[in-house]
Amino acid sequence: MDNPVQNAKNKTKFWYVFKQCEQGRSVILHSNTCCLLRNATDLDGRITLRQIIPNTWTVYKNVRAFFSLPRVYASELLMETAVNQPVDVPLSDTDKDIEVAIQKYLAKETPMDRLKDMFSRNHKNDYSDNLIFIYSNTYKAAVFTFLVMATISGVHGKQDFIDRNKASQFRSKFHANRLLMDTIWLYMFRGGFKWSFKVGAFVGSFLLVSQSIATCRNKSSPLEYIIAGGVTGGLMKMNLGLRGFVVGSLVGAVLGLLGGIPIYSALTFGMQTQEEKHYLEVKDKVLYQRHLEKLAGKPSTAFQGISS
């Protein structure tokens, strides 16, 4: 009696068997010896592909699963479009009350109130976003300047040591290398700290003035950067007299304009402007106040004062 497994191997190509069995179709061999079914059991002369080549079938399925393409159905696309499509939902009474409370708060506050809140901790005992923005950018500018100028100063220190000691005699090669490394490290730290302090002071003063003006006006524009650049540039050149103060202010104002335009564009299109940032801060205060009133069992009311 013929062996059905041997007949299947001899008369059928593996690829054809794979494709047909994968699609759930029966494969009748030319010898009429066996019928290969994808999920069939060994009944009535029928054998499954896994019984013929179990290891090869497992490897093939794993390879096909690895290179398979994702299937996207029309129903899924319609569902995703329906979910992502914006829907105009009317505001509830609670949302309207919160919006009214926010507008009352914004109408009552003064520029000095906003400036005071900028340098004070909020109800979460956190510093304001503007103060964190000033600190983080000043710190980053100082660290970046230190790394760059320390590297440049180290190169200059090495060259200066070589120029000053062309005719010098040292006790040993180790002594010469030690003096060279000491000179390089001295130039690196001295140049790095010097320029880091200058750039950090300039960036900190620039951001402090610009953010203070934006907070008082509750508006973002290139104007505060022009004023901040002029004030900072004048203060940096005050040691040169009145002429240095005027020239430094003019140069700083021009640099503030050149830097303020891209900063304002980034705030408008990519980040939050001062108006949007302050609105979210006031909304957070209103929600926190209502939460406290709810815990105390008092009726929810709008802000009665600007600051607690």
C-alpha atoms as a PDB file:
ATOM      1  CA  MET A   1       0.000   0.000   0.000  1.00  0.00           C
ATOM      2  CA  ASP A   2       1.268   3.410  -0.921  1.00  0.00           C
ATOM      3  CA  ASN A   3       2.414   5.721   1.788  1.00  0.00           C
ATOM      4  CA  PRO A   4       0.255   8.887   1.583  1.00  0.00           C
ATOM      5  CA  VAL A   5       2.967  11.002   3.178  1.00  0.00           C
ATOM      6  CA  GLN A   6       5.555   9.900   0.647  1.00  0.00           C
ATOM      7  CA  ASN A   7       3.135  10.472  -2.223  1.00  0.00           C
ATOM      8  CA  ALA A   8       2.382  13.982  -0.960  1.00  0.00           C
ATOM      9  CA  LYS A   9       6.076  14.849  -0.814  1.00  0.00           C
ATOM     10  CA  ASN A  10       6.758  13.436  -4.263  1.00  0.00           C
ATOM     11  CA  LYS A  11       3.750  14.727  -6.228  1.00  0.00           C
ATOM     12  CA  THR A  12       3.068  18.130  -4.574  1.00  0.00           C
ATOM     13  CA  LYS A  13       5.204  21.244  -4.318  1.00  0.00           C
ATOM     14  CA  PHE A  14       5.538  22.755  -0.871  1.00  0.00           C
ATOM     15  CA  TRP A  15       4.644  26.272  -1.944  1.00  0.00           C
ATOM     16  CA  TYR A  16       1.384  25.185  -3.562  1.00  0.00           C
ATOM     17  CA  VAL A  17       0.420  23.207  -0.479  1.00  0.00           C
ATOM     18  CA  PHE A  18       1.267  26.108   1.768  1.00  0.00           C
ATOM     19  CA  LYS A  19      -0.822  28.594  -0.192  1.00  0.00           C
ATOM     20  CA  GLN A  20      -3.830  26.346  -0.551  1.00  0.00           C
ATOM     21  CA  CYS A  21      -3.830  25.251   3.075  1.00  0.00           C
ATOM     22  CA  GLU A  22      -3.366  28.792   4.268  1.00  0.00           C
ATOM     23  CA  GLN A  23      -6.498  29.847   2.381  1.00  0.00           C
ATOM     24  CA  GLY A  24      -8.470  27.007   3.940  1.00  0.00           C
ATOM     25  CA  ARG A  25      -8.849  25.010   0.720  1.00  0.00           C
ATOM     26  CA  SER A  26      -8.609  21.266   0.259  1.00  0.00           C
ATOM     27  CA  VAL A  27      -5.764  19.931  -1.852  1.00  0.00           C
ATOM     28  CA  ILE A  28      -6.474  16.689  -3.728  1.00  0.00           C
ATOM     29  CA  LEU A  29      -3.219  15.102  -4.791  1.00  0.00           C
ATOM     30  CA  HIS A  30      -2.776  13.569  -8.248  1.00  0.00           C
ATOM     31  CA  SER A  31      -2.323  10.157  -6.713  1.00  0.00           C
ATOM     32  CA  ASN A  32      -5.723  10.462  -4.988  1.00  0.00           C
ATOM     33  CA  THR A  33      -3.956   9.161  -1.939  1.00  0.00           C
ATOM     34  CA  CYS A  34      -4.658  11.905   0.516  1.00  0.00           C
ATOM     35  CA  CYS A  35      -6.486  15.157   0.897  1.00  0.00           C
ATOM     36  CA  LEU A  36      -4.674  17.922   2.752  1.00  0.00           C
ATOM     37  CA  LEU A  37      -6.925  20.119   4.781  1.00  0.00           C
ATOM     38  CA  ARG A  38      -5.882  23.101   6.846  1.00  0.00           C
ATOM     39  CA  ASN A  39      -7.667  22.118  10.025  1.00  0.00           C
ATOM     40  CA  ALA A  40      -8.668  18.548   9.282  1.00  0.00           C
ATOM     41  CA  THR A  41      -7.881  15.548  11.403  1.00  0.00           C
ATOM     42  CA  ASP A  42      -6.482  12.247  10.243  1.00  0.00           C
ATOM     43  CA  LEU A  43      -9.792  10.675   9.243  1.00  0.00           C
ATOM     44  CA  ASP A  44     -10.701   8.673   6.142  1.00  0.00           C
ATOM     45  CA  GLY A  45      -7.263   8.913   4.637  1.00  0.00           C
ATOM     46  CA  ARG A  46      -7.040  12.656   5.195  1.00  0.00           C
ATOM     47  CA  ILE A  47      -3.986  14.123   6.870  1.00  0.00           C
ATOM     48  CA  THR A  48      -3.177  17.671   7.843  1.00  0.00           C
ATOM     49  CA  LEU A  49      -0.208  19.659   6.664  1.00  0.00           C
ATOM     50  CA  ARG A  50       1.053  19.822  10.248  1.00  0.00           C
ATOM     51  CA  GLN A  51       1.242  16.037  10.279  1.00  0.00           C
ATOM     52  CA  ILE A  52       3.377  16.050   7.140  1.00  0.00           C
ATOM     53  CA  ILE A  53       5.868  18.747   8.020  1.00  0.00           C
ATOM     54  CA  PRO A  54       5.078  20.128  11.489  1.00  0.00           C
ATOM     55  CA  ASN A  55       8.300  22.065  11.990  1.00  0.00           C
ATOM     56  CA  THR A  56       8.299  23.596   8.509  1.00  0.00           C
ATOM     57  CA  TRP A  57       4.677  24.674   8.892  1.00  0.00           C
ATOM     58  CA  THR A  58       5.439  26.473  12.171  1.00  0.00           C
ATOM     59  CA  VAL A  59       8.419  28.265  10.679  1.00  0.00           C
ATOM     60  CA  TYR A  60       6.400  29.270   7.636  1.00  0.00           C
ATOM     61  CA  LYS A  61       3.551  30.702   9.719  1.00  0.00           C
ATOM     62  CA  ASN A  62       5.963  32.689  11.861  1.00  0.00           C
ATOM     63  CA  VAL A  63       7.695  34.129   8.799  1.00  0.00           C
ATOM     64  CA  ARG A  64       4.390  35.069   7.172  1.00  0.00           C
ATOM     65  CA  ALA A  65       3.173  36.682  10.396  1.00  0.00           C
ATOM     66  CA  PHE A  66       6.390  38.703  10.628  1.00  0.00           C
ATOM     67  CA  PHE A  67       6.087  40.072   7.074  1.00  0.00           C
ATOM     68  CA  SER A  68       2.305  40.420   7.055  1.00  0.00           C
ATOM     69  CA  LEU A  69       0.798  43.797   6.212  1.00  0.00           C
ATOM     70  CA  PRO A  70      -1.836  45.382   8.468  1.00  0.00           C
ATOM     71  CA  ARG A  71      -5.412  45.170   7.304  1.00  0.00           C
ATOM     72  CA  VAL A  72      -7.488  48.326   7.340  1.00  0.00           C
ATOM     73  CA  TYR A  73     -11.229  48.001   6.941  1.00  0.00           C
ATOM     74  CA  ALA A  74     -13.595  50.688   5.737  1.00  0.00           C
ATOM     75  CA  SER A  75     -15.611  50.472   8.944  1.00  0.00           C
ATOM     76  CA  GLU A  76     -12.521  51.290  10.999  1.00  0.00           C
ATOM     77  CA  LEU A  77     -11.764  54.340   8.846  1.00  0.00           C
ATOM     78  CA  LEU A  78     -15.325  55.578   9.195  1.00  0.00           C
ATOM     79  CA  MET A  79     -15.238  55.065  12.954  1.00  0.00           C
ATOM     80  CA  GLU A  80     -11.894  56.911  13.266  1.00  0.00           C
ATOM     81  CA  THR A  81     -13.218  59.791  11.162  1.00  0.00           C
ATOM     82  CA  ALA A  82     -16.331  60.024  13.284  1.00  0.00           C
ATOM     83  CA  VAL A  83     -14.318  60.032  16.504  1.00  0.00           C
ATOM     84  CA  ASN A  84     -11.787  62.628  15.331  1.00  0.00           C
ATOM     85  CA  GLN A  85     -14.365  64.924  13.800  1.00  0.00           C
ATOM     86  CA  PRO A  86     -14.924  67.913  16.087  1.00  0.00           C
ATOM     87  CA  VAL A  87     -18.396  68.198  17.498  1.00  0.00           C
ATOM     88  CA  ASP A  88     -19.853  71.411  18.846  1.00  0.00           C
ATOM     89  CA  VAL A  89     -20.979  70.452  22.334  1.00  0.00           C
ATOM     90  CA  PRO A  90     -22.976  73.105  24.182  1.00  0.00           C
ATOM     91  CA  LEU A  91     -21.530  74.228  27.480  1.00  0.00           C
ATOM     92  CA  SER A  92     -23.241  73.012  30.620  1.00  0.00           C
ATOM     93  CA  ASP A  93     -24.384  75.306  33.385  1.00  0.00           C
ATOM     94  CA  THR A  94     -21.288  74.460  35.428  1.00  0.00           C
ATOM     95  CA  ASP A  95     -18.969  75.327  32.544  1.00  0.00           C
ATOM     96  CA  LYS A  96     -20.803  78.596  32.008  1.00  0.00           C
ATOM     97  CA  ASP A  97     -20.430  79.478  35.687  1.00  0.00           C
ATOM     98  CA  ILE A  98     -16.712  78.723  35.548  1.00  0.00           C
ATOM     99  CA  GLU A  99     -16.309  80.868  32.437  1.00  0.00           C
ATOM    100  CA  VAL A 100     -18.166  83.738  34.110  1.00  0.00           C
ATOM    101  CA  ALA A 101     -15.941  83.438  37.189  1.00  0.00           C
ATOM    102  CA  ILE A 102     -12.811  83.494  35.010  1.00  0.00           C
ATOM    103  CA  GLN A 103     -13.949  86.606  33.168  1.00  0.00           C
ATOM    104  CA  LYS A 104     -14.759  88.350  36.456  1.00  0.00           C
ATOM    105  CA  TYR A 105     -11.317  87.525  37.782  1.00  0.00           C
ATOM    106  CA  LEU A 106      -9.621  88.822  34.635  1.00  0.00           C
ATOM    107  CA  ALA A 107     -11.675  92.018  34.737  1.00  0.00           C
ATOM    108  CA  LYS A 108     -10.821  92.788  38.376  1.00  0.00           C
ATOM    109  CA  GLU A 109      -7.091  92.045  38.399  1.00  0.00           C
ATOM    110  CA  THR A 110      -4.479  94.735  37.804  1.00  0.00           C
ATOM    111  CA  PRO A 111      -1.003  94.573  36.202  1.00  0.00           C
ATOM    112  CA  MET A 112       0.593  94.671  39.646  1.00  0.00           C
ATOM    113  CA  ASP A 113      -1.542  91.728  40.743  1.00  0.00           C
ATOM    114  CA  ARG A 114      -0.302  89.685  37.810  1.00  0.00           C
ATOM    115  CA  LEU A 115       3.291  90.734  38.470  1.00  0.00           C
ATOM    116  CA  LYS A 116       2.934  89.795  42.143  1.00  0.00           C
ATOM    117  CA  ASP A 117       1.544  86.383  41.222  1.00  0.00           C
ATOM    118  CA  MET A 118       4.478  85.868  38.864  1.00  0.00           C
ATOM    119  CA  PHE A 119       6.994  86.033  41.729  1.00  0.00           C
ATOM    120  CA  SER A 120       4.789  84.191  44.246  1.00  0.00           C
ATOM    121  CA  ARG A 121       3.919  80.554  44.736  1.00  0.00           C
ATOM    122  CA  ASN A 122       0.478  79.442  43.639  1.00  0.00           C
ATOM    123  CA  HIS A 123      -2.092  77.373  45.525  1.00  0.00           C
ATOM    124  CA  LYS A 124      -0.112  74.216  44.666  1.00  0.00           C
ATOM    125  CA  ASN A 125       3.007  75.732  46.252  1.00  0.00           C
ATOM    126  CA  ASP A 126       4.658  75.870  42.829  1.00  0.00           C
ATOM    127  CA  TYR A 127       6.404  78.758  41.128  1.00  0.00           C
ATOM    128  CA  SER A 128       4.749  80.413  38.154  1.00  0.00           C
ATOM    129  CA  ASP A 129       5.389  79.159  34.641  1.00  0.00           C
ATOM    130  CA  ASN A 130       7.077  82.425  33.677  1.00  0.00           C
ATOM    131  CA  LEU A 131       9.553  82.178  36.545  1.00  0.00           C
ATOM    132  CA  ILE A 132      10.313  78.549  35.705  1.00  0.00           C
ATOM    133  CA  PHE A 133      10.785  79.561  32.057  1.00  0.00           C
ATOM    134  CA  ILE A 134      13.288  82.264  33.058  1.00  0.00           C
ATOM    135  CA  TYR A 135      15.243  79.952  35.353  1.00  0.00           C
ATOM    136  CA  SER A 136      15.404  76.985  32.981  1.00  0.00           C
ATOM    137  CA  ASN A 137      16.513  78.985  29.944  1.00  0.00           C
ATOM    138  CA  THR A 138      19.076  80.979  31.931  1.00  0.00           C
ATOM    139  CA  TYR A 139      20.508  77.760  33.351  1.00  0.00           C
ATOM    140  CA  LYS A 140      20.664  76.096  29.929  1.00  0.00           C
ATOM    141  CA  ALA A 141      22.325  79.123  28.337  1.00  0.00           C
ATOM    142  CA  ALA A 142      24.919  79.328  31.119  1.00  0.00           C
ATOM    143  CA  VAL A 143      25.776  75.616  30.961  1.00  0.00           C
ATOM    144  CA  PHE A 144      25.989  75.588  27.160  1.00  0.00           C
ATOM    145  CA  THR A 145      28.199  78.689  27.171  1.00  0.00           C
ATOM    146  CA  PHE A 146      30.478  77.175  29.809  1.00  0.00           C
ATOM    147  CA  LEU A 147      31.007  74.005  27.776  1.00  0.00           C
ATOM    148  CA  VAL A 148      31.702  75.862  24.533  1.00  0.00           C
ATOM    149  CA  MET A 149      33.944  78.568  25.963  1.00  0.00           C
ATOM    150  CA  ALA A 150      35.817  76.120  28.206  1.00  0.00           C
ATOM    151  CA  THR A 151      36.726  74.068  25.154  1.00  0.00           C
ATOM    152  CA  ILE A 152      37.837  77.125  23.189  1.00  0.00           C
ATOM    153  CA  SER A 153      39.775  78.533  26.146  1.00  0.00           C
ATOM    154  CA  GLY A 154      41.511  75.191  26.661  1.00  0.00           C
ATOM    155  CA  VAL A 155      42.779  75.231  23.080  1.00  0.00           C
ATOM    156  CA  HIS A 156      44.016  78.797  23.519  1.00  0.00           C
ATOM    157  CA  GLY A 157      45.687  77.854  26.795  1.00  0.00           C
ATOM    158  CA  LYS A 158      47.583  75.011  25.161  1.00  0.00           C
ATOM    159  CA  GLN A 159      48.804  77.239  22.347  1.00  0.00           C
ATOM    160  CA  ASP A 160      49.756  80.010  24.778  1.00  0.00           C
ATOM    161  CA  PHE A 161      51.759  77.567  26.916  1.00  0.00           C
ATOM    162  CA  ILE A 162      53.659  76.338  23.860  1.00  0.00           C
ATOM    163  CA  ASP A 163      54.400  79.889  22.695  1.00  0.00           C
ATOM    164  CA  ARG A 164      55.627  81.023  26.123  1.00  0.00           C
ATOM    165  CA  ASN A 165      57.837  78.014  26.749  1.00  0.00           C
ATOM    166  CA  LYS A 166      59.574  77.434  23.430  1.00  0.00           C
ATOM    167  CA  ALA A 167      62.964  78.137  24.980  1.00  0.00           C
ATOM    168  CA  SER A 168      62.164  76.809  28.459  1.00  0.00           C
ATOM    169  CA  GLN A 169      63.817  73.766  29.985  1.00  0.00           C
ATOM    170  CA  PHE A 170      61.920  71.385  32.260  1.00  0.00           C
ATOM    171  CA  ARG A 171      63.181  68.843  34.746  1.00  0.00           C
ATOM    172  CA  SER A 172      61.459  66.000  32.931  1.00  0.00           C
ATOM    173  CA  LYS A 173      58.830  65.231  30.339  1.00  0.00           C
ATOM    174  CA  PHE A 174      56.382  64.432  33.110  1.00  0.00           C
ATOM    175  CA  HIS A 175      56.936  67.872  34.644  1.00  0.00           C
ATOM    176  CA  ALA A 176      56.336  69.575  31.283  1.00  0.00           C
ATOM    177  CA  ASN A 177      53.113  67.634  30.680  1.00  0.00           C
ATOM    178  CA  ARG A 178      51.935  68.414  34.196  1.00  0.00           C
ATOM    179  CA  LEU A 179      52.466  72.157  33.701  1.00  0.00           C
ATOM    180  CA  LEU A 180      50.734  71.955  30.317  1.00  0.00           C
ATOM    181  CA  MET A 181      47.659  70.248  31.784  1.00  0.00           C
ATOM    182  CA  ASP A 182      47.516  72.715  34.677  1.00  0.00           C
ATOM    183  CA  THR A 183      47.585  75.599  32.213  1.00  0.00           C
ATOM    184  CA  ILE A 184      44.874  74.047  30.051  1.00  0.00           C
ATOM    185  CA  TRP A 185      42.564  73.421  33.019  1.00  0.00           C
ATOM    186  CA  LEU A 186      43.185  76.924  34.346  1.00  0.00           C
ATOM    187  CA  TYR A 187      42.285  78.504  31.008  1.00  0.00           C
ATOM    188  CA  MET A 188      39.232  76.253  30.641  1.00  0.00           C
ATOM    189  CA  PHE A 189      37.698  77.083  34.015  1.00  0.00           C
ATOM    190  CA  ARG A 190      38.600  80.751  33.843  1.00  0.00           C
ATOM    191  CA  GLY A 191      37.238  81.248  30.330  1.00  0.00           C
ATOM    192  CA  GLY A 192      34.210  79.027  30.917  1.00  0.00           C
ATOM    193  CA  PHE A 193      33.086  80.714  34.133  1.00  0.00           C
ATOM    194  CA  LYS A 194      33.776  84.193  32.754  1.00  0.00           C
ATOM    195  CA  TRP A 195      31.635  83.826  29.653  1.00  0.00           C
ATOM    196  CA  SER A 196      29.066  81.660  31.401  1.00  0.00           C
ATOM    197  CA  PHE A 197      28.472  84.425  33.943  1.00  0.00           C
ATOM    198  CA  LYS A 198      28.209  87.077  31.223  1.00  0.00           C
ATOM    199  CA  VAL A 199      25.826  85.134  28.999  1.00  0.00           C
ATOM    200  CA  GLY A 200      23.797  83.878  31.959  1.00  0.00           C
ATOM    201  CA  ALA A 201      23.416  87.412  33.313  1.00  0.00           C
ATOM    202  CA  PHE A 202      22.413  88.734  29.891  1.00  0.00           C
ATOM    203  CA  VAL A 203      19.884  85.966  29.192  1.00  0.00           C
ATOM    204  CA  GLY A 204      18.465  86.115  32.720  1.00  0.00           C
ATOM    205  CA  SER A 205      18.057  89.901  32.622  1.00  0.00           C
ATOM    206  CA  PHE A 206      16.602  89.778  29.119  1.00  0.00           C
ATOM    207  CA  LEU A 207      14.013  87.139  30.009  1.00  0.00           C
ATOM    208  CA  LEU A 208      13.211  88.728  33.365  1.00  0.00           C
ATOM    209  CA  VAL A 209      12.414  92.106  31.792  1.00  0.00           C
ATOM    210  CA  SER A 210      10.537  90.644  28.825  1.00  0.00           C
ATOM    211  CA  GLN A 211       8.416  88.261  30.901  1.00  0.00           C
ATOM    212  CA  SER A 212       7.652  90.973  33.457  1.00  0.00           C
ATOM    213  CA  ILE A 213       6.423  93.307  30.715  1.00  0.00           C
ATOM    214  CA  ALA A 214       4.379  90.535  29.094  1.00  0.00           C
ATOM    215  CA  THR A 215       2.858  89.656  32.475  1.00  0.00           C
ATOM    216  CA  CYS A 216       1.909  93.245  33.238  1.00  0.00           C
ATOM    217  CA  ARG A 217       0.369  93.719  29.785  1.00  0.00           C
ATOM    218  CA  ASN A 218      -1.033  90.167  29.721  1.00  0.00           C
ATOM    219  CA  LYS A 219      -0.078  90.060  26.074  1.00  0.00           C
ATOM    220  CA  SER A 220       2.716  88.578  23.997  1.00  0.00           C
ATOM    221  CA  SER A 221       4.355  90.720  21.304  1.00  0.00           C
ATOM    222  CA  PRO A 222       7.857  91.605  20.033  1.00  0.00           C
ATOM    223  CA  LEU A 223       7.628  94.896  21.953  1.00  0.00           C
ATOM    224  CA  GLU A 224       8.703  93.433  25.296  1.00  0.00           C
ATOM    225  CA  TYR A 225      11.742  91.803  23.690  1.00  0.00           C
ATOM    226  CA  ILE A 226      12.825  95.104  22.133  1.00  0.00           C
ATOM    227  CA  ILE A 227      12.547  96.864  25.499  1.00  0.00           C
ATOM    228  CA  ALA A 228      14.266  93.988  27.306  1.00  0.00           C
ATOM    229  CA  GLY A 229      17.135  93.998  24.800  1.00  0.00           C
ATOM    230  CA  GLY A 230      17.612  97.755  25.154  1.00  0.00           C
ATOM    231  CA  VAL A 231      17.578  97.677  28.967  1.00  0.00           C
ATOM    232  CA  THR A 232      19.888  94.671  29.197  1.00  0.00           C
ATOM    233  CA  GLY A 233      22.333  95.990  26.599  1.00  0.00           C
ATOM    234  CA  GLY A 234      22.532  99.356  28.362  1.00  0.00           C
ATOM    235  CA  LEU A 235      23.163  97.750  31.755  1.00  0.00           C
ATOM    236  CA  MET A 236      25.912  95.557  30.338  1.00  0.00           C
ATOM    237  CA  LYS A 237      27.785  98.583  28.922  1.00  0.00           C
ATOM    238  CA  MET A 238      27.121 100.969  31.781  1.00  0.00           C
ATOM    239  CA  ASN A 239      30.755 100.744  32.913  1.00  0.00           C
ATOM    240  CA  LEU A 240      31.801 102.513  29.683  1.00  0.00           C
ATOM    241  CA  GLY A 241      29.916 105.670  30.567  1.00  0.00           C
ATOM    242  CA  LEU A 242      26.914 107.396  29.041  1.00  0.00           C
ATOM    243  CA  ARG A 243      28.046 106.784  25.481  1.00  0.00           C
ATOM    244  CA  GLY A 244      28.520 103.090  26.148  1.00  0.00           C
ATOM    245  CA  PHE A 245      25.099 102.930  27.809  1.00  0.00           C
ATOM    246  CA  VAL A 246      23.395 104.523  24.790  1.00  0.00           C
ATOM    247  CA  VAL A 247      25.234 102.376  22.249  1.00  0.00           C
ATOM    248  CA  GLY A 248      24.598  99.235  24.269  1.00  0.00           C
ATOM    249  CA  SER A 249      20.896 100.078  24.515  1.00  0.00           C
ATOM    250  CA  LEU A 250      20.594 100.603  20.767  1.00  0.00           C
ATOM    251  CA  VAL A 251      22.450  97.416  19.918  1.00  0.00           C
ATOM    252  CA  GLY A 252      20.437  95.489  22.511  1.00  0.00           C
ATOM    253  CA  ALA A 253      17.156  96.824  21.123  1.00  0.00           C
ATOM    254  CA  VAL A 254      18.094  95.708  17.609  1.00  0.00           C
ATOM    255  CA  LEU A 255      19.092  92.269  18.870  1.00  0.00           C
ATOM    256  CA  GLY A 256      15.872  92.115  20.881  1.00  0.00           C
ATOM    257  CA  LEU A 257      13.876  92.829  17.737  1.00  0.00           C
ATOM    258  CA  LEU A 258      15.747  90.170  15.753  1.00  0.00           C
ATOM    259  CA  GLY A 259      15.244  87.636  18.530  1.00  0.00           C
ATOM    260  CA  GLY A 260      11.732  88.709  19.507  1.00  0.00           C
ATOM    261  CA  ILE A 261      10.145  88.105  16.117  1.00  0.00           C
ATOM    262  CA  PRO A 262      11.005  84.356  15.927  1.00  0.00           C
ATOM    263  CA  ILE A 263      10.215  83.919  19.635  1.00  0.00           C
ATOM    264  CA  TYR A 264       6.806  85.523  19.207  1.00  0.00           C
ATOM    265  CA  SER A 265       6.168  83.411  16.103  1.00  0.00           C
ATOM    266  CA  ALA A 266       7.043  80.254  18.039  1.00  0.00           C
ATOM    267  CA  LEU A 267       4.733  81.271  20.889  1.00  0.00           C
ATOM    268  CA  THR A 268       1.896  82.012  18.484  1.00  0.00           C
ATOM    269  CA  PHE A 269       2.062  78.909  16.301  1.00  0.00           C
ATOM    270  CA  GLY A 270       3.740  76.281  18.460  1.00  0.00           C
ATOM    271  CA  MET A 271       3.482  77.203  22.125  1.00  0.00           C
ATOM    272  CA  GLN A 272       1.258  79.233  24.443  1.00  0.00           C
ATOM    273  CA  THR A 273       1.062  82.990  24.385  1.00  0.00           C
ATOM    274  CA  GLN A 274       0.883  85.006  27.579  1.00  0.00           C
ATOM    275  CA  GLU A 275      -2.885  85.420  27.226  1.00  0.00           C
ATOM    276  CA  GLU A 276      -3.486  81.681  26.863  1.00  0.00           C
ATOM    277  CA  LYS A 277      -1.090  80.821  29.669  1.00  0.00           C
ATOM    278  CA  HIS A 278      -2.656  83.305  32.070  1.00  0.00           C
ATOM    279  CA  TYR A 279      -6.161  82.135  31.166  1.00  0.00           C
ATOM    280  CA  LEU A 280      -5.271  78.554  32.085  1.00  0.00           C
ATOM    281  CA  GLU A 281      -3.715  79.714  35.359  1.00  0.00           C
ATOM    282  CA  VAL A 282      -6.860  81.637  36.298  1.00  0.00           C
ATOM    283  CA  LYS A 283      -9.032  78.675  35.333  1.00  0.00           C
ATOM    284  CA  ASP A 284      -6.955  76.441  37.579  1.00  0.00           C
ATOM    285  CA  LYS A 285      -7.425  78.898  40.444  1.00  0.00           C
ATOM    286  CA  VAL A 286     -11.186  79.025  39.929  1.00  0.00           C
ATOM    287  CA  LEU A 287     -11.488  75.239  39.838  1.00  0.00           C
ATOM    288  CA  TYR A 288      -9.366  74.925  42.958  1.00  0.00           C
ATOM    289  CA  GLN A 289     -11.485  77.521  44.769  1.00  0.00           C
ATOM    290  CA  ARG A 290     -14.676  75.705  43.834  1.00  0.00           C
ATOM    291  CA  HIS A 291     -13.185  72.429  44.998  1.00  0.00           C
ATOM    292  CA  LEU A 292     -12.411  73.945  48.395  1.00  0.00           C
ATOM    293  CA  GLU A 293     -15.922  75.380  48.642  1.00  0.00           C
ATOM    294  CA  LYS A 294     -17.377  71.990  47.773  1.00  0.00           C
ATOM    295  CA  LEU A 295     -15.348  70.311  50.498  1.00  0.00           C
ATOM    296  CA  ALA A 296     -16.398  72.983  53.000  1.00  0.00           C
ATOM    297  CA  GLY A 297     -20.054  72.598  52.054  1.00  0.00           C
ATOM    298  CA  LYS A 298     -20.414  76.198  50.936  1.00  0.00           C
ATOM    299  CA  PRO A 299     -22.209  77.289  47.766  1.00  0.00           C
ATOM    300  CA  SER A 300     -19.965  77.883  44.786  1.00  0.00           C
ATOM    301  CA  THR A 301     -19.317  81.554  44.196  1.00  0.00           C
ATOM    302  CA  ALA A 302     -17.052  83.511  41.929  1.00  0.00           C
ATOM    303  CA  PHE A 303     -13.830  85.060  43.099  1.00  0.00           C
ATOM    304  CA  GLN A 304     -14.516  87.875  45.498  1.00  0.00           C
ATOM    305  CA  GLY A 305     -10.938  89.128  45.511  1.00  0.00           C
ATOM    306  CA  ILE A 306      -7.894  88.994  43.354  1.00  0.00           C
ATOM    307  CA  SER A 307      -5.432  87.503  45.793  1.00  0.00           C
ATOM    308  CA  SER A 308      -5.924  85.455  48.910  1.00  0.00           C
END
